[in-house]
Structures are given as C-alpha cells and as structure tokens.
C-alpha cells in the first residue's frame, strides 16, 4: 500500500520535472515523496523491532521449558 503511494508520488514528481512545472510544485512533490519514504522506513524498522522481540520471547520460552 505505502509502496504504491511512493511509486505514484515518484511518477507525479518525474512528470512535473519533465513538464518544467513551477519550482514550488516540484519542491512540494519532492518533500511529499521524502515524507512517504521516511514513513516506509520507520514502519520497516518497527516491524523488524517487533519481529526481534518475538524471536527473543520464543527463545526465552525454550530456555524456561528446558529448565
């Protein structure tokens, strides 16, 4: 979902550059694209952190079970 938004915004930005749109429009689109990319990476890090927490809990369960 977010990847699709990034792709659409990238296409919109590229089109505005190709058509020599006003600097303010190009800049606005660029900032919007940056924000979407930032959100994508933030969510990716959150998913990775959650995955690591779950892995560590599973390992802890195994240790407790063995003991």
PDB file of N, CA and C in Angstrom:
ATOM      1  N   UNK A   1       0.825  -1.193   0.000  1.00  0.00           N
ATOM      2  CA  UNK A   1       0.000   0.000   0.000  1.00  0.00           C
ATOM      3  C   UNK A   1       0.871   1.260   0.000  1.00  0.00           C
ATOM      4  N   UNK A   2       1.745   1.352   0.989  1.00  0.00           N
ATOM      5  CA  UNK A   2       2.616   2.519   1.070  1.00  0.00           C
ATOM      6  C   UNK A   2       3.575   2.554  -0.120  1.00  0.00           C
ATOM      7  N   UNK A   3       4.018   1.371  -0.549  1.00  0.00           N
ATOM      8  CA  UNK A   3       4.904   1.302  -1.709  1.00  0.00           C
ATOM      9  C   UNK A   3       4.220   1.862  -2.956  1.00  0.00           C
ATOM     10  N   UNK A   4       2.926   1.600  -3.086  1.00  0.00           N
ATOM     11  CA  UNK A   4       2.179   2.112  -4.232  1.00  0.00           C
ATOM     12  C   UNK A   4       2.058   3.636  -4.175  1.00  0.00           C
ATOM     13  N   UNK A   5       1.843   4.167  -2.981  1.00  0.00           N
ATOM     14  CA  UNK A   5       1.779   5.622  -2.823  1.00  0.00           C
ATOM     15  C   UNK A   5       3.114   6.261  -3.190  1.00  0.00           C
ATOM     16  N   UNK A   6       4.198   5.627  -2.772  1.00  0.00           N
ATOM     17  CA  UNK A   6       5.531   6.139  -3.106  1.00  0.00           C
ATOM     18  C   UNK A   6       5.727   6.132  -4.608  1.00  0.00           C
ATOM     19  N   UNK A   7       5.348   5.043  -5.253  1.00  0.00           N
ATOM     20  CA  UNK A   7       5.515   4.951  -6.704  1.00  0.00           C
ATOM     21  C   UNK A   7       4.687   6.018  -7.428  1.00  0.00           C
ATOM     22  N   UNK A   8       3.451   6.215  -6.989  1.00  0.00           N
ATOM     23  CA  UNK A   8       2.598   7.236  -7.621  1.00  0.00           C
ATOM     24  C   UNK A   8       3.185   8.635  -7.453  1.00  0.00           C
ATOM     25  N   UNK A   9       3.663   8.905  -6.241  1.00  0.00           N
ATOM     26  CA  UNK A   9       4.232  10.228  -5.969  1.00  0.00           C
ATOM     27  C   UNK A   9       5.510  10.431  -6.788  1.00  0.00           C
ATOM     28  N   UNK A  10       6.307   9.375  -6.925  1.00  0.00           N
ATOM     29  CA  UNK A  10       7.531   9.456  -7.728  1.00  0.00           C
ATOM     30  C   UNK A  10       7.196   9.756  -9.187  1.00  0.00           C
ATOM     31  N   UNK A  11       6.177   9.087  -9.704  1.00  0.00           N
ATOM     32  CA  UNK A  11       5.755   9.328 -11.081  1.00  0.00           C
ATOM     33  C   UNK A  11       5.249  10.761 -11.257  1.00  0.00           C
ATOM     34  N   UNK A  12       4.487  11.222 -10.287  1.00  0.00           N
ATOM     35  CA  UNK A  12       3.966  12.592 -10.331  1.00  0.00           C
ATOM     36  C   UNK A  12       5.115  13.604 -10.307  1.00  0.00           C
ATOM     37  N   UNK A  13       6.095  13.352  -9.468  1.00  0.00           N
ATOM     38  CA  UNK A  13       7.256  14.235  -9.384  1.00  0.00           C
ATOM     39  C   UNK A  13       8.033  14.231 -10.702  1.00  0.00           C
ATOM     40  N   UNK A  14       8.292  13.060 -11.240  1.00  0.00           N
ATOM     41  CA  UNK A  14       9.026  12.970 -12.506  1.00  0.00           C
ATOM     42  C   UNK A  14       8.291  13.692 -13.634  1.00  0.00           C
ATOM     43  N   UNK A  15       6.997  13.521 -13.669  1.00  0.00           N
ATOM     44  CA  UNK A  15       6.195  14.180 -14.699  1.00  0.00           C
ATOM     45  C   UNK A  15       6.267  15.705 -14.556  1.00  0.00           C
ATOM     46  N   UNK A  16       6.201  16.173 -13.338  1.00  0.00           N
ATOM     47  CA  UNK A  16       6.259  17.619 -13.132  1.00  0.00           C
ATOM     48  C   UNK A  16       7.629  18.180 -13.530  1.00  0.00           C
ATOM     49  N   UNK A  17       8.679  17.400 -13.309  1.00  0.00           N
ATOM     50  CA  UNK A  17      10.019  17.841 -13.731  1.00  0.00           C
ATOM     51  C   UNK A  17      10.106  17.863 -15.251  1.00  0.00           C
ATOM     52  N   UNK A  18       9.616  16.809 -15.891  1.00  0.00           N
ATOM     53  CA  UNK A  18       9.650  16.729 -17.349  1.00  0.00           C
ATOM     54  C   UNK A  18       8.874  17.867 -18.005  1.00  0.00           C
ATOM     55  N   UNK A  19       7.794  18.276 -17.379  1.00  0.00           N
ATOM     56  CA  UNK A  19       6.953  19.329 -17.946  1.00  0.00           C
ATOM     57  C   UNK A  19       7.373  20.725 -17.498  1.00  0.00           C
ATOM     58  N   UNK A  20       8.522  20.798 -16.820  1.00  0.00           N
ATOM     59  CA  UNK A  20       9.048  22.081 -16.343  1.00  0.00           C
ATOM     60  C   UNK A  20       8.036  22.872 -15.527  1.00  0.00           C
ATOM     61  N   UNK A  21       7.411  22.191 -14.604  1.00  0.00           N
ATOM     62  CA  UNK A  21       6.454  22.863 -13.710  1.00  0.00           C
ATOM     63  C   UNK A  21       7.194  23.848 -12.814  1.00  0.00           C
ATOM     64  N   UNK A  22       6.432  24.655 -12.134  1.00  0.00           N
ATOM     65  CA  UNK A  22       6.998  25.651 -11.226  1.00  0.00           C
ATOM     66  C   UNK A  22       7.841  24.976 -10.148  1.00  0.00           C
ATOM     67  N   UNK A  23       8.878  25.678  -9.743  1.00  0.00           N
ATOM     68  CA  UNK A  23       9.784  25.151  -8.718  1.00  0.00           C
ATOM     69  C   UNK A  23       9.030  24.771  -7.448  1.00  0.00           C
ATOM     70  N   UNK A  24       8.112  25.599  -7.024  1.00  0.00           N
ATOM     71  CA  UNK A  24       7.368  25.330  -5.790  1.00  0.00           C
ATOM     72  C   UNK A  24       6.587  24.021  -5.868  1.00  0.00           C
ATOM     73  N   UNK A  25       6.023  23.733  -7.037  1.00  0.00           N
ATOM     74  CA  UNK A  25       5.273  22.482  -7.219  1.00  0.00           C
ATOM     75  C   UNK A  25       6.211  21.274  -7.152  1.00  0.00           C
ATOM     76  N   UNK A  26       7.343  21.376  -7.829  1.00  0.00           N
ATOM     77  CA  UNK A  26       8.320  20.289  -7.829  1.00  0.00           C
ATOM     78  C   UNK A  26       8.855  20.075  -6.413  1.00  0.00           C
ATOM     79  N   UNK A  27       9.142  21.141  -5.739  1.00  0.00           N
ATOM     80  CA  UNK A  27       9.661  21.053  -4.375  1.00  0.00           C
ATOM     81  C   UNK A  27       8.634  20.409  -3.447  1.00  0.00           C
ATOM     82  N   UNK A  28       7.383  20.816  -3.553  1.00  0.00           N
ATOM     83  CA  UNK A  28       6.319  20.263  -2.720  1.00  0.00           C
ATOM     84  C   UNK A  28       6.196  18.754  -2.944  1.00  0.00           C
ATOM     85  N   UNK A  29       6.215  18.333  -4.198  1.00  0.00           N
ATOM     86  CA  UNK A  29       6.118  16.908  -4.501  1.00  0.00           C
ATOM     87  C   UNK A  29       7.329  16.141  -3.965  1.00  0.00           C
ATOM     88  N   UNK A  30       8.474  16.758  -4.067  1.00  0.00           N
ATOM     89  CA  UNK A  30       9.691  16.134  -3.563  1.00  0.00           C
ATOM     90  C   UNK A  30       9.625  15.934  -2.049  1.00  0.00           C
ATOM     91  N   UNK A  31       9.144  16.926  -1.350  1.00  0.00           N
ATOM     92  CA  UNK A  31       9.002  16.824   0.104  1.00  0.00           C
ATOM     93  C   UNK A  31       7.968  15.754   0.463  1.00  0.00           C
ATOM     94  N   UNK A  32       6.872  15.714  -0.265  1.00  0.00           N
ATOM     95  CA  UNK A  32       5.851  14.699  -0.013  1.00  0.00           C
ATOM     96  C   UNK A  32       6.415  13.294  -0.240  1.00  0.00           C
ATOM     97  N   UNK A  33       7.200  13.127  -1.293  1.00  0.00           N
ATOM     98  CA  UNK A  33       7.825  11.843  -1.562  1.00  0.00           C
ATOM     99  C   UNK A  33       8.796  11.479  -0.444  1.00  0.00           C
ATOM    100  N   UNK A  34       9.590  12.431  -0.012  1.00  0.00           N
ATOM    101  CA  UNK A  34      10.518  12.189   1.105  1.00  0.00           C
ATOM    102  C   UNK A  34       9.770  11.743   2.357  1.00  0.00           C
ATOM    103  N   UNK A  35       8.653  12.372   2.632  1.00  0.00           N
ATOM    104  CA  UNK A  35       7.864  12.010   3.812  1.00  0.00           C
ATOM    105  C   UNK A  35       7.331  10.576   3.713  1.00  0.00           C
ATOM    106  N   UNK A  36       6.877  10.198   2.535  1.00  0.00           N
ATOM    107  CA  UNK A  36       6.382   8.836   2.336  1.00  0.00           C
ATOM    108  C   UNK A  36       7.509   7.810   2.501  1.00  0.00           C
ATOM    109  N   UNK A  37       8.664   8.118   1.957  1.00  0.00           N
ATOM    110  CA  UNK A  37       9.807   7.217   2.080  1.00  0.00           C
ATOM    111  C   UNK A  37      10.231   7.099   3.538  1.00  0.00           C
ATOM    112  N   UNK A  38      10.239   8.221   4.242  1.00  0.00           N
ATOM    113  CA  UNK A  38      10.573   8.207   5.664  1.00  0.00           C
ATOM    114  C   UNK A  38       9.590   7.333   6.439  1.00  0.00           C
ATOM    115  N   UNK A  39       8.320   7.466   6.145  1.00  0.00           N
ATOM    116  CA  UNK A  39       7.300   6.657   6.811  1.00  0.00           C
ATOM    117  C   UNK A  39       7.509   5.169   6.513  1.00  0.00           C
ATOM    118  N   UNK A  40       7.856   4.866   5.274  1.00  0.00           N
ATOM    119  CA  UNK A  40       8.113   3.480   4.888  1.00  0.00           C
ATOM    120  C   UNK A  40       9.249   2.889   5.727  1.00  0.00           C
ATOM    121  N   UNK A  41      10.344   3.630   5.856  1.00  0.00           N
ATOM    122  CA  UNK A  41      11.482   3.128   6.625  1.00  0.00           C
ATOM    123  C   UNK A  41      11.179   3.045   8.117  1.00  0.00           C
ATOM    124  N   UNK A  42      10.423   3.996   8.635  1.00  0.00           N
ATOM    125  CA  UNK A  42      10.037   3.936  10.044  1.00  0.00           C
ATOM    126  C   UNK A  42       9.213   2.681  10.322  1.00  0.00           C
ATOM    127  N   UNK A  43       8.243   2.407   9.449  1.00  0.00           N
ATOM    128  CA  UNK A  43       7.406   1.228   9.631  1.00  0.00           C
ATOM    129  C   UNK A  43       8.218  -0.054   9.476  1.00  0.00           C
ATOM    130  N   UNK A  44       9.170  -0.048   8.562  1.00  0.00           N
ATOM    131  CA  UNK A  44      10.033  -1.218   8.384  1.00  0.00           C
ATOM    132  C   UNK A  44      10.848  -1.485   9.640  1.00  0.00           C
ATOM    133  N   UNK A  45      11.382  -0.435  10.242  1.00  0.00           N
ATOM    134  CA  UNK A  45      12.149  -0.592  11.470  1.00  0.00           C
ATOM    135  C   UNK A  45      11.271  -1.097  12.609  1.00  0.00           C
ATOM    136  N   UNK A  46      10.042  -0.582  12.693  1.00  0.00           N
ATOM    137  CA  UNK A  46       9.120  -1.032  13.732  1.00  0.00           C
ATOM    138  C   UNK A  46       8.787  -2.513  13.566  1.00  0.00           C
ATOM    139  N   UNK A  47       8.574  -2.947  12.330  1.00  0.00           N
ATOM    140  CA  UNK A  47       8.284  -4.352  12.067  1.00  0.00           C
ATOM    141  C   UNK A  47       9.473  -5.220  12.459  1.00  0.00           C
ATOM    142  N   UNK A  48      10.673  -4.764  12.123  1.00  0.00           N
ATOM    143  CA  UNK A  48      11.886  -5.522  12.451  1.00  0.00           C
ATOM    144  C   UNK A  48      12.066  -5.610  13.968  1.00  0.00           C
ATOM    145  N   UNK A  49      11.816  -4.502  14.652  1.00  0.00           N
ATOM    146  CA  UNK A  49      11.943  -4.496  16.112  1.00  0.00           C
ATOM    147  C   UNK A  49      10.941  -5.466  16.732  1.00  0.00           C
ATOM    148  N   UNK A  50       9.710  -5.461  16.254  1.00  0.00           N
ATOM    149  CA  UNK A  50       8.682  -6.369  16.760  1.00  0.00           C
ATOM    150  C   UNK A  50       9.069  -7.818  16.491  1.00  0.00           C
ATOM    151  N   UNK A  51       9.577  -8.071  15.295  1.00  0.00           N
ATOM    152  CA  UNK A  51       9.994  -9.421  14.945  1.00  0.00           C
ATOM    153  C   UNK A  51      11.108  -9.896  15.878  1.00  0.00           C
ATOM    154  N   UNK A  52      12.066  -9.029  16.176  1.00  0.00           N
ATOM    155  CA  UNK A  52      13.166  -9.394  17.070  1.00  0.00           C
ATOM    156  C   UNK A  52      12.674  -9.655  18.491  1.00  0.00           C
ATOM    157  N   UNK A  53      11.715  -8.865  18.951  1.00  0.00           N
ATOM    158  CA  UNK A  53      11.150  -9.074  20.283  1.00  0.00           C
ATOM    159  C   UNK A  53      10.464 -10.431  20.352  1.00  0.00           C
ATOM    160  N   UNK A  54       9.696 -10.754  19.324  1.00  0.00           N
ATOM    161  CA  UNK A  54       9.002 -12.041  19.309  1.00  0.00           C
ATOM    162  C   UNK A  54       9.985 -13.198  19.268  1.00  0.00           C
ATOM    163  N   UNK A  55      11.068 -13.064  18.500  1.00  0.00           N
ATOM    164  CA  UNK A  55      12.087 -14.110  18.444  1.00  0.00           C
ATOM    165  C   UNK A  55      12.727 -14.305  19.808  1.00  0.00           C
ATOM    166  N   UNK A  56      13.033 -13.211  20.489  1.00  0.00           N
ATOM    167  CA  UNK A  56      13.683 -13.326  21.799  1.00  0.00           C
ATOM    168  C   UNK A  56      12.733 -13.962  22.812  1.00  0.00           C
ATOM    169  N   UNK A  57      11.461 -13.689  22.710  1.00  0.00           N
ATOM    170  CA  UNK A  57      10.482 -14.308  23.617  1.00  0.00           C
ATOM    171  C   UNK A  57      10.390 -15.805  23.369  1.00  0.00           C
ATOM    172  N   UNK A  58      10.438 -16.212  22.100  1.00  0.00           N
ATOM    173  CA  UNK A  58      10.387 -17.642  21.791  1.00  0.00           C
ATOM    174  C   UNK A  58      11.604 -18.333  22.372  1.00  0.00           C
ATOM    175  N   UNK A  59      12.771 -17.709  22.254  1.00  0.00           N
ATOM    176  CA  UNK A  59      13.991 -18.272  22.812  1.00  0.00           C
ATOM    177  C   UNK A  59      13.901 -18.390  24.317  1.00  0.00           C
ATOM    178  N   UNK A  60      13.322 -17.403  24.963  1.00  0.00           N
ATOM    179  CA  UNK A  60      13.150 -17.421  26.407  1.00  0.00           C
ATOM    180  C   UNK A  60      12.219 -18.556  26.820  1.00  0.00           C
ATOM    181  N   UNK A  61      11.170 -18.764  26.064  1.00  0.00           N
ATOM    182  CA  UNK A  61      10.237 -19.862  26.361  1.00  0.00           C
ATOM    183  C   UNK A  61      10.955 -21.202  26.289  1.00  0.00           C
ATOM    184  N   UNK A  62      11.811 -21.366  25.285  1.00  0.00           N
ATOM    185  CA  UNK A  62      12.549 -22.621  25.143  1.00  0.00           C
ATOM    186  C   UNK A  62      13.460 -22.836  26.332  1.00  0.00           C
ATOM    187  N   UNK A  63      14.138 -21.790  26.774  1.00  0.00           N
ATOM    188  CA  UNK A  63      15.031 -21.897  27.918  1.00  0.00           C
ATOM    189  C   UNK A  63      14.247 -22.255  29.170  1.00  0.00           C
ATOM    190  N   UNK A  64      13.116 -21.611  29.374  1.00  0.00           N
ATOM    191  CA  UNK A  64      12.289 -21.903  30.553  1.00  0.00           C
ATOM    192  C   UNK A  64      11.731 -23.311  30.505  1.00  0.00           C
ATOM    193  N   UNK A  65      11.382 -23.761  29.318  1.00  0.00           N
ATOM    194  CA  UNK A  65      10.820 -25.094  29.159  1.00  0.00           C
ATOM    195  C   UNK A  65      11.867 -26.154  29.461  1.00  0.00           C
ATOM    196  N   UNK A  66      13.082 -25.923  28.977  1.00  0.00           N
ATOM    197  CA  UNK A  66      14.176 -26.871  29.194  1.00  0.00           C
ATOM    198  C   UNK A  66      14.543 -26.919  30.673  1.00  0.00           C
ATOM    199  N   UNK A  67      14.566 -25.787  31.330  1.00  0.00           N
ATOM    200  CA  UNK A  67      14.947 -25.738  32.739  1.00  0.00           C
ATOM    201  C   UNK A  67      13.868 -26.389  33.555  1.00  0.00           C
TER     202      UNK A  67
END
